[in-house]
Amino acid sequence: MKEKRRSTLIILLSLAFGMLALTFASSALFRLFCEKTGHGGTTQVARKMPTRVEDRVITVRFNADTQRNLPWEFKPLQKQITVKAGEVGLAYYHGINKSQTPTVGMATYNVTPHKAGIYFNKVECFCFLEQHLEAGQETDFPVQFFIDPAIVEDPTMDEVDTITLSYTFFPLAKGTNLKW
């Protein structure tokens, strides 16, 4: 009987420890899932450039928001551009620190429709790093991207002719250690 209780205790403690470990890993696992599947409009980071350009033209619209605790003005410099699937596009956003002190921000991003996230690839983006703006400083933030030419082979994407790329800047406290 004592042996049975000990086995039960070991199993229960193992389960509790496993659930605790999974809790700590869940954020990283969910981020990995989103990156691999495009879930929730998560875009891809280009590992290589496209090898072909398709005739299909897609309009990319740009949206910008700033979390209210970050004293920045942040907006796209163009409302939209058109690119062919596989063609590299370049767009710019403009930011101004409206405060009298240096601030640090980090941009989160997604695309809509969400199902297009798997095909939207960023080559270079200001959103990959935290951004430091001095008091009153203005700067332009570039984003270089392409729509994977494989989009033309996906019948669920046939009606998608416009993709909206959205960014939201959030303030970061000094000494924030990000693990992206």
Protein backbone atom coordinates (compact mmCIF):
# COMPACT_ATOMS: atom_id res chain seq x y z
CA MET A 1 0.00 0.00 0.00
CA LYS A 2 2.89 2.35 0.86
CA GLU A 3 4.50 1.63 -2.51
CA LYS A 4 1.24 2.45 -4.33
CA ARG A 5 0.92 5.81 -2.54
CA ARG A 6 4.51 6.66 -3.36
CA SER A 7 3.94 5.87 -7.05
CA THR A 8 0.76 7.98 -7.07
CA LEU A 9 2.60 10.88 -5.40
CA ILE A 10 5.44 10.70 -7.93
CA ILE A 11 2.98 10.67 -10.83
CA LEU A 12 1.02 13.64 -9.42
CA LEU A 13 4.17 15.65 -8.72
CA SER A 14 5.46 14.88 -12.22
CA LEU A 15 2.19 16.05 -13.74
CA ALA A 16 2.22 19.23 -11.66
CA PHE A 17 5.84 19.96 -12.62
CA GLY A 18 5.08 19.25 -16.30
CA MET A 19 2.08 21.60 -16.26
CA LEU A 20 4.17 24.32 -14.60
CA ALA A 21 6.93 23.91 -17.19
CA LEU A 22 4.37 24.04 -20.01
CA THR A 23 2.94 27.26 -18.55
CA PHE A 24 6.34 28.94 -18.74
CA ALA A 25 6.96 27.63 -22.26
CA SER A 26 3.49 28.40 -23.63
CA SER A 27 4.29 31.97 -24.73
CA ALA A 28 7.33 30.88 -26.72
CA LEU A 29 5.48 27.88 -28.15
CA PHE A 30 2.51 30.02 -29.22
CA ARG A 31 4.85 32.60 -30.84
CA LEU A 32 6.58 29.75 -32.73
CA PHE A 33 3.21 28.35 -33.82
CA CYS A 34 2.11 31.79 -35.10
CA GLU A 35 5.38 32.33 -36.97
CA LYS A 36 5.16 28.95 -38.71
CA THR A 37 1.46 29.07 -39.61
CA GLY A 38 0.72 32.79 -40.01
CA HIS A 39 -1.97 32.41 -37.32
CA GLY A 40 -3.60 35.71 -36.38
CA GLY A 41 -2.00 37.51 -39.30
CA THR A 42 1.55 36.91 -38.10
CA THR A 43 3.87 37.65 -40.98
CA GLN A 44 6.91 35.63 -41.97
CA VAL A 45 10.56 36.68 -41.81
CA ALA A 46 12.14 36.05 -45.19
CA ARG A 47 14.85 33.41 -45.07
CA LYS A 48 15.54 33.82 -48.79
CA MET A 49 14.37 36.09 -51.57
CA PRO A 50 11.74 34.95 -54.06
CA THR A 51 12.99 33.30 -57.23
CA ARG A 52 10.06 34.25 -59.42
CA VAL A 53 7.55 37.04 -59.90
CA GLU A 54 3.95 36.21 -60.79
CA ASP A 55 1.54 38.42 -62.74
CA ARG A 56 -0.92 38.59 -59.84
CA VAL A 57 -1.05 42.13 -58.44
CA ILE A 58 -1.84 42.70 -54.77
CA THR A 59 -2.52 46.04 -53.09
CA VAL A 60 -0.78 46.44 -49.74
CA ARG A 61 -2.34 49.02 -47.43
CA PHE A 62 -0.57 50.46 -44.41
CA ASN A 63 -1.92 51.17 -40.94
CA ALA A 64 -0.20 52.66 -37.88
CA ASP A 65 -1.21 52.95 -34.25
CA THR A 66 0.57 54.02 -31.08
CA GLN A 67 -0.27 52.81 -27.60
CA ARG A 68 -1.40 55.86 -25.61
CA ASN A 69 1.47 55.71 -23.09
CA LEU A 70 4.03 56.23 -25.84
CA PRO A 71 4.26 59.95 -26.71
CA TRP A 72 4.94 59.36 -30.39
CA GLU A 73 3.20 60.33 -33.57
CA PHE A 74 3.48 57.36 -35.92
CA LYS A 75 2.00 57.09 -39.41
CA PRO A 76 2.62 55.49 -42.82
CA LEU A 77 4.12 57.76 -45.48
CA GLN A 78 2.01 56.07 -48.16
CA LYS A 79 -1.55 54.80 -47.90
CA GLN A 80 -0.94 51.83 -50.18
CA ILE A 81 1.27 50.38 -52.89
CA THR A 82 0.76 47.61 -55.42
CA VAL A 83 3.19 44.76 -55.87
CA LYS A 84 3.22 41.58 -57.88
CA ALA A 85 3.50 38.28 -56.02
CA GLY A 86 7.24 37.69 -55.65
CA GLU A 87 8.19 41.33 -56.21
CA VAL A 88 10.02 43.09 -53.36
CA GLY A 89 8.20 46.16 -52.03
CA LEU A 90 9.47 49.00 -49.86
CA ALA A 91 7.35 51.24 -47.66
CA TYR A 92 8.08 53.83 -45.00
CA TYR A 93 6.49 54.90 -41.74
CA HIS A 94 7.29 58.19 -40.00
CA GLY A 95 7.74 58.61 -36.28
CA ILE A 96 8.13 61.64 -34.04
CA ASN A 97 8.87 61.62 -30.32
CA LYS A 98 6.53 64.34 -29.02
CA SER A 99 7.98 64.28 -25.48
CA GLN A 100 10.83 66.21 -23.89
CA THR A 101 12.68 63.02 -22.95
CA PRO A 102 14.20 60.12 -24.87
CA THR A 103 11.83 57.18 -25.30
CA VAL A 104 12.07 53.61 -26.50
CA GLY A 105 9.35 51.78 -28.41
CA MET A 106 8.77 48.39 -29.95
CA ALA A 107 6.36 47.70 -32.80
CA THR A 108 4.07 44.71 -33.00
CA TYR A 109 2.56 43.81 -36.36
CA ASN A 110 0.09 41.71 -38.25
CA VAL A 111 -1.69 41.56 -41.57
CA THR A 112 -5.32 41.24 -42.54
CA PRO A 113 -6.85 39.14 -43.79
CA HIS A 114 -5.16 36.88 -41.25
CA LYS A 115 -4.89 34.00 -43.69
CA ALA A 116 -2.47 36.12 -45.76
CA GLY A 117 0.11 36.12 -42.94
CA ILE A 118 1.71 32.91 -44.17
CA TYR A 119 2.47 34.59 -47.53
CA PHE A 120 3.58 38.04 -46.31
CA ASN A 121 7.37 37.99 -45.87
CA LYS A 122 9.45 40.77 -44.33
CA VAL A 123 13.00 41.13 -45.58
CA GLU A 124 13.96 44.09 -43.36
CA CYS A 125 11.79 45.82 -40.79
CA PHE A 126 12.06 48.39 -38.03
CA CYS A 127 9.83 46.04 -36.03
CA PHE A 128 12.67 43.55 -35.60
CA LEU A 129 14.42 45.85 -33.09
CA GLU A 130 13.46 48.29 -30.37
CA GLN A 131 13.50 51.91 -31.55
CA HIS A 132 15.10 54.76 -29.60
CA LEU A 133 13.97 58.32 -30.26
CA GLU A 134 15.48 61.34 -28.53
CA ALA A 135 13.25 64.19 -27.37
CA GLY A 136 11.62 65.74 -30.45
CA GLN A 137 13.46 63.42 -32.84
CA GLU A 138 11.82 62.45 -36.14
CA THR A 139 12.75 59.46 -38.24
CA ASP A 140 11.52 57.31 -41.09
CA PHE A 141 11.10 53.59 -40.48
CA PRO A 142 11.50 51.35 -43.58
CA VAL A 143 9.92 47.97 -44.15
CA GLN A 144 10.97 45.80 -47.08
CA PHE A 145 8.71 42.87 -47.92
CA PHE A 146 7.34 40.55 -50.57
CA ILE A 147 4.26 38.41 -51.07
CA ASP A 148 5.32 34.79 -51.53
CA PRO A 149 4.59 33.82 -55.15
CA ALA A 150 3.10 30.56 -53.81
CA ILE A 151 0.00 32.63 -53.01
CA VAL A 152 -1.14 32.13 -56.62
CA GLU A 153 -1.27 28.34 -56.06
CA ASP A 154 -3.52 28.57 -52.98
CA PRO A 155 -7.21 28.49 -53.96
CA THR A 156 -8.21 29.86 -50.53
CA MET A 157 -6.36 33.05 -51.42
CA ASP A 158 -8.04 33.63 -54.81
CA GLU A 159 -10.29 36.43 -53.52
CA VAL A 160 -7.49 38.22 -51.66
CA ASP A 161 -6.39 41.22 -53.69
CA THR A 162 -5.67 43.58 -50.78
CA ILE A 163 -3.56 42.99 -47.67
CA THR A 164 -3.34 45.50 -44.83
CA LEU A 165 -0.07 45.67 -42.89
CA SER A 166 -0.66 47.08 -39.40
CA TYR A 167 1.83 48.20 -36.76
CA THR A 168 1.29 49.29 -33.18
CA PHE A 169 4.15 50.87 -31.23
CA PHE A 170 4.32 50.21 -27.49
CA PRO A 171 6.61 51.87 -24.93
CA LEU A 172 9.49 49.88 -23.48
CA ALA A 173 10.96 50.54 -20.07
CA LYS A 174 14.71 51.01 -19.83
CA GLY A 175 16.49 47.74 -19.35
CA THR A 176 13.72 45.66 -20.94
CA ASN A 177 15.19 42.39 -22.15
CA LEU A 178 13.28 41.17 -25.20
CA LYS A 179 13.50 37.61 -26.46
CA TRP A 180 12.07 37.59 -29.99
